[in-house]
């Protein structure tokens, strides 16, 4: 398998396989570090969207009980 790069814009490169399909992207973090952080945060939120929720009040109570939050 031969992999080539396709440069669309400054700081962004797509990795292309033999079939011409984009398989990965390289992002220059010096140029787009903040954008990457936003994208990463969004991906984490989507991965966790089905996890059980906990109310702020229950978190405060648990932390207070554990001595990690002073009331």
N, C-alpha and C. Protein backbone atom coordinates (compact mmCIF):
# COMPACT_ATOMS: atom_id res chain seq x y z
N UNK A 1 0.85 -1.18 0.00
CA UNK A 1 0.00 0.00 0.00
C UNK A 1 0.89 1.24 0.00
N UNK A 2 0.68 2.08 -0.95
CA UNK A 2 1.42 3.33 -1.04
C UNK A 2 0.53 4.45 -0.48
N UNK A 3 1.10 5.26 0.38
CA UNK A 3 0.34 6.36 0.96
C UNK A 3 0.97 7.66 0.51
N UNK A 4 0.15 8.56 0.02
CA UNK A 4 0.63 9.88 -0.39
C UNK A 4 -0.07 10.94 0.45
N UNK A 5 0.38 12.17 0.31
CA UNK A 5 -0.23 13.28 1.04
C UNK A 5 -0.88 14.25 0.07
N UNK A 6 -1.97 14.84 0.49
CA UNK A 6 -2.67 15.86 -0.28
C UNK A 6 -2.73 17.10 0.61
N UNK A 7 -2.15 18.18 0.14
CA UNK A 7 -2.13 19.41 0.92
C UNK A 7 -3.20 20.35 0.37
N UNK A 8 -4.23 20.60 1.16
CA UNK A 8 -5.35 21.43 0.74
C UNK A 8 -5.13 22.89 1.13
N UNK A 9 -4.66 23.08 2.35
CA UNK A 9 -4.43 24.44 2.85
C UNK A 9 -3.23 24.42 3.79
N UNK A 10 -2.71 25.57 4.07
CA UNK A 10 -1.54 25.67 4.94
C UNK A 10 -1.81 25.01 6.28
N UNK A 11 -0.93 24.07 6.67
CA UNK A 11 -1.03 23.43 7.96
C UNK A 11 -1.96 22.23 8.01
N UNK A 12 -2.60 21.88 6.90
CA UNK A 12 -3.51 20.74 6.85
C UNK A 12 -3.06 19.81 5.72
N UNK A 13 -2.83 18.53 6.05
CA UNK A 13 -2.45 17.53 5.05
C UNK A 13 -3.34 16.31 5.22
N UNK A 14 -3.85 15.80 4.11
CA UNK A 14 -4.62 14.56 4.13
C UNK A 14 -3.71 13.43 3.66
N UNK A 15 -3.80 12.29 4.32
CA UNK A 15 -3.08 11.10 3.90
C UNK A 15 -4.04 10.31 3.01
N UNK A 16 -3.57 9.97 1.80
CA UNK A 16 -4.39 9.32 0.78
C UNK A 16 -3.84 7.92 0.51
N UNK A 17 -4.75 6.91 0.48
CA UNK A 17 -4.30 5.55 0.17
C UNK A 17 -4.26 5.33 -1.34
N UNK A 18 -3.91 4.12 -1.75
CA UNK A 18 -3.79 3.78 -3.17
C UNK A 18 -5.08 4.00 -3.95
N UNK A 19 -6.21 3.86 -3.27
CA UNK A 19 -7.50 4.02 -3.93
C UNK A 19 -7.95 5.47 -4.04
N UNK A 20 -7.14 6.37 -3.49
CA UNK A 20 -7.50 7.78 -3.53
C UNK A 20 -8.39 8.23 -2.38
N UNK A 21 -8.57 7.36 -1.39
CA UNK A 21 -9.40 7.70 -0.23
C UNK A 21 -8.57 8.38 0.85
N UNK A 22 -9.12 9.41 1.43
CA UNK A 22 -8.46 10.06 2.56
C UNK A 22 -8.58 9.15 3.77
N UNK A 23 -7.45 8.83 4.38
CA UNK A 23 -7.45 7.91 5.52
C UNK A 23 -7.05 8.58 6.83
N UNK A 24 -6.45 9.74 6.75
CA UNK A 24 -6.01 10.44 7.96
C UNK A 24 -5.76 11.90 7.61
N UNK A 25 -5.64 12.69 8.65
CA UNK A 25 -5.32 14.10 8.45
C UNK A 25 -4.23 14.49 9.43
N UNK A 26 -3.33 15.33 8.96
CA UNK A 26 -2.29 15.89 9.82
C UNK A 26 -2.59 17.38 9.98
N UNK A 27 -2.60 17.83 11.23
CA UNK A 27 -2.91 19.23 11.53
C UNK A 27 -1.71 19.87 12.22
N UNK A 28 -1.25 20.98 11.70
CA UNK A 28 -0.15 21.72 12.32
C UNK A 28 -0.69 22.38 13.59
N UNK A 29 -0.27 21.87 14.74
CA UNK A 29 -0.80 22.38 16.00
C UNK A 29 -0.32 23.79 16.32
N UNK A 30 0.78 24.21 15.72
CA UNK A 30 1.21 25.60 15.90
C UNK A 30 0.22 26.57 15.27
N UNK A 31 -0.40 26.14 14.18
CA UNK A 31 -1.39 26.99 13.50
C UNK A 31 -2.81 26.77 14.02
N UNK A 32 -3.14 25.52 14.32
CA UNK A 32 -4.52 25.16 14.62
C UNK A 32 -4.69 24.45 15.97
N UNK A 33 -3.82 24.74 16.92
CA UNK A 33 -3.88 24.08 18.21
C UNK A 33 -5.20 24.29 18.94
N UNK A 34 -5.72 25.52 18.91
CA UNK A 34 -6.99 25.80 19.59
C UNK A 34 -8.14 25.08 18.90
N UNK A 35 -8.12 25.04 17.59
CA UNK A 35 -9.15 24.33 16.84
C UNK A 35 -9.11 22.84 17.18
N UNK A 36 -7.90 22.27 17.26
CA UNK A 36 -7.77 20.85 17.61
C UNK A 36 -8.35 20.60 19.00
N UNK A 37 -8.08 21.49 19.96
CA UNK A 37 -8.61 21.32 21.31
C UNK A 37 -10.14 21.29 21.28
N UNK A 38 -10.74 22.18 20.50
CA UNK A 38 -12.21 22.20 20.39
C UNK A 38 -12.72 20.90 19.76
N UNK A 39 -12.07 20.45 18.71
CA UNK A 39 -12.45 19.20 18.05
C UNK A 39 -12.32 18.02 19.01
N UNK A 40 -11.22 17.96 19.72
CA UNK A 40 -10.98 16.87 20.67
C UNK A 40 -12.03 16.88 21.78
N UNK A 41 -12.32 18.06 22.34
CA UNK A 41 -13.35 18.17 23.37
C UNK A 41 -14.70 17.67 22.86
N UNK A 42 -15.03 18.01 21.62
CA UNK A 42 -16.28 17.58 21.02
C UNK A 42 -16.32 16.06 20.86
N UNK A 43 -15.22 15.47 20.44
CA UNK A 43 -15.15 14.01 20.29
C UNK A 43 -15.33 13.31 21.64
N UNK A 44 -14.70 13.83 22.67
CA UNK A 44 -14.83 13.25 24.01
C UNK A 44 -16.28 13.35 24.48
N UNK A 45 -16.91 14.50 24.27
CA UNK A 45 -18.31 14.69 24.68
C UNK A 45 -19.21 13.69 23.96
N UNK A 46 -18.98 13.47 22.67
CA UNK A 46 -19.81 12.51 21.92
C UNK A 46 -19.60 11.09 22.43
N UNK A 47 -18.38 10.75 22.79
CA UNK A 47 -18.11 9.41 23.30
C UNK A 47 -18.83 9.19 24.63
N UNK A 48 -19.03 10.25 25.38
CA UNK A 48 -19.60 10.13 26.72
C UNK A 48 -21.09 10.47 26.78
N UNK A 49 -21.71 10.74 25.65
CA UNK A 49 -23.09 11.22 25.67
C UNK A 49 -24.09 10.22 26.25
N UNK A 50 -23.78 8.95 26.23
CA UNK A 50 -24.69 7.94 26.76
C UNK A 50 -24.36 7.54 28.20
N UNK A 51 -23.34 8.14 28.78
CA UNK A 51 -22.99 7.83 30.16
C UNK A 51 -24.04 8.41 31.10
N UNK A 52 -24.21 7.79 32.26
CA UNK A 52 -25.19 8.31 33.22
C UNK A 52 -24.83 9.73 33.67
N UNK A 53 -25.85 10.51 33.93
CA UNK A 53 -25.67 11.89 34.37
C UNK A 53 -25.70 11.96 35.89
N UNK A 54 -25.05 12.98 36.42
CA UNK A 54 -25.05 13.22 37.85
C UNK A 54 -25.33 14.70 38.07
N UNK A 55 -26.21 15.01 39.01
CA UNK A 55 -26.54 16.42 39.24
C UNK A 55 -25.40 17.13 39.94
N UNK A 56 -25.34 18.43 39.77
CA UNK A 56 -24.33 19.23 40.44
C UNK A 56 -24.45 19.08 41.95
N UNK A 57 -25.67 19.04 42.44
CA UNK A 57 -25.90 18.91 43.88
C UNK A 57 -25.32 17.59 44.41
N UNK A 58 -25.52 16.50 43.68
CA UNK A 58 -25.00 15.21 44.15
C UNK A 58 -23.46 15.19 44.11
N UNK A 59 -22.88 15.85 43.13
CA UNK A 59 -21.41 15.95 43.07
C UNK A 59 -20.90 16.74 44.26
N UNK A 60 -21.54 17.87 44.55
CA UNK A 60 -21.12 18.68 45.70
C UNK A 60 -21.24 17.89 47.00
N UNK A 61 -22.33 17.16 47.15
CA UNK A 61 -22.52 16.37 48.37
C UNK A 61 -21.46 15.28 48.50
N UNK A 62 -21.16 14.61 47.41
CA UNK A 62 -20.15 13.55 47.45
C UNK A 62 -18.77 14.12 47.77
N UNK A 63 -18.40 15.24 47.13
CA UNK A 63 -17.10 15.85 47.37
C UNK A 63 -17.00 16.37 48.81
N UNK A 64 -18.09 16.93 49.29
CA UNK A 64 -18.12 17.44 50.66
C UNK A 64 -17.96 16.28 51.66
N UNK A 65 -18.65 15.18 51.42
CA UNK A 65 -18.58 13.99 52.27
C UNK A 65 -17.17 13.42 52.29
N UNK A 66 -16.48 13.46 51.13
CA UNK A 66 -15.12 12.94 51.02
C UNK A 66 -14.06 13.93 51.54
N UNK A 67 -14.53 15.12 52.00
CA UNK A 67 -13.60 16.12 52.51
C UNK A 67 -12.82 16.86 51.43
N UNK A 68 -13.32 16.80 50.20
CA UNK A 68 -12.64 17.46 49.08
C UNK A 68 -13.28 18.78 48.71
N UNK A 69 -14.36 19.13 49.40
CA UNK A 69 -15.05 20.39 49.13
C UNK A 69 -15.52 20.94 50.47
N UNK A 70 -15.12 22.17 50.72
CA UNK A 70 -15.55 22.81 51.95
C UNK A 70 -16.82 23.60 51.70
N UNK A 71 -17.80 23.40 52.57
CA UNK A 71 -19.07 24.09 52.40
C UNK A 71 -19.17 25.29 53.27
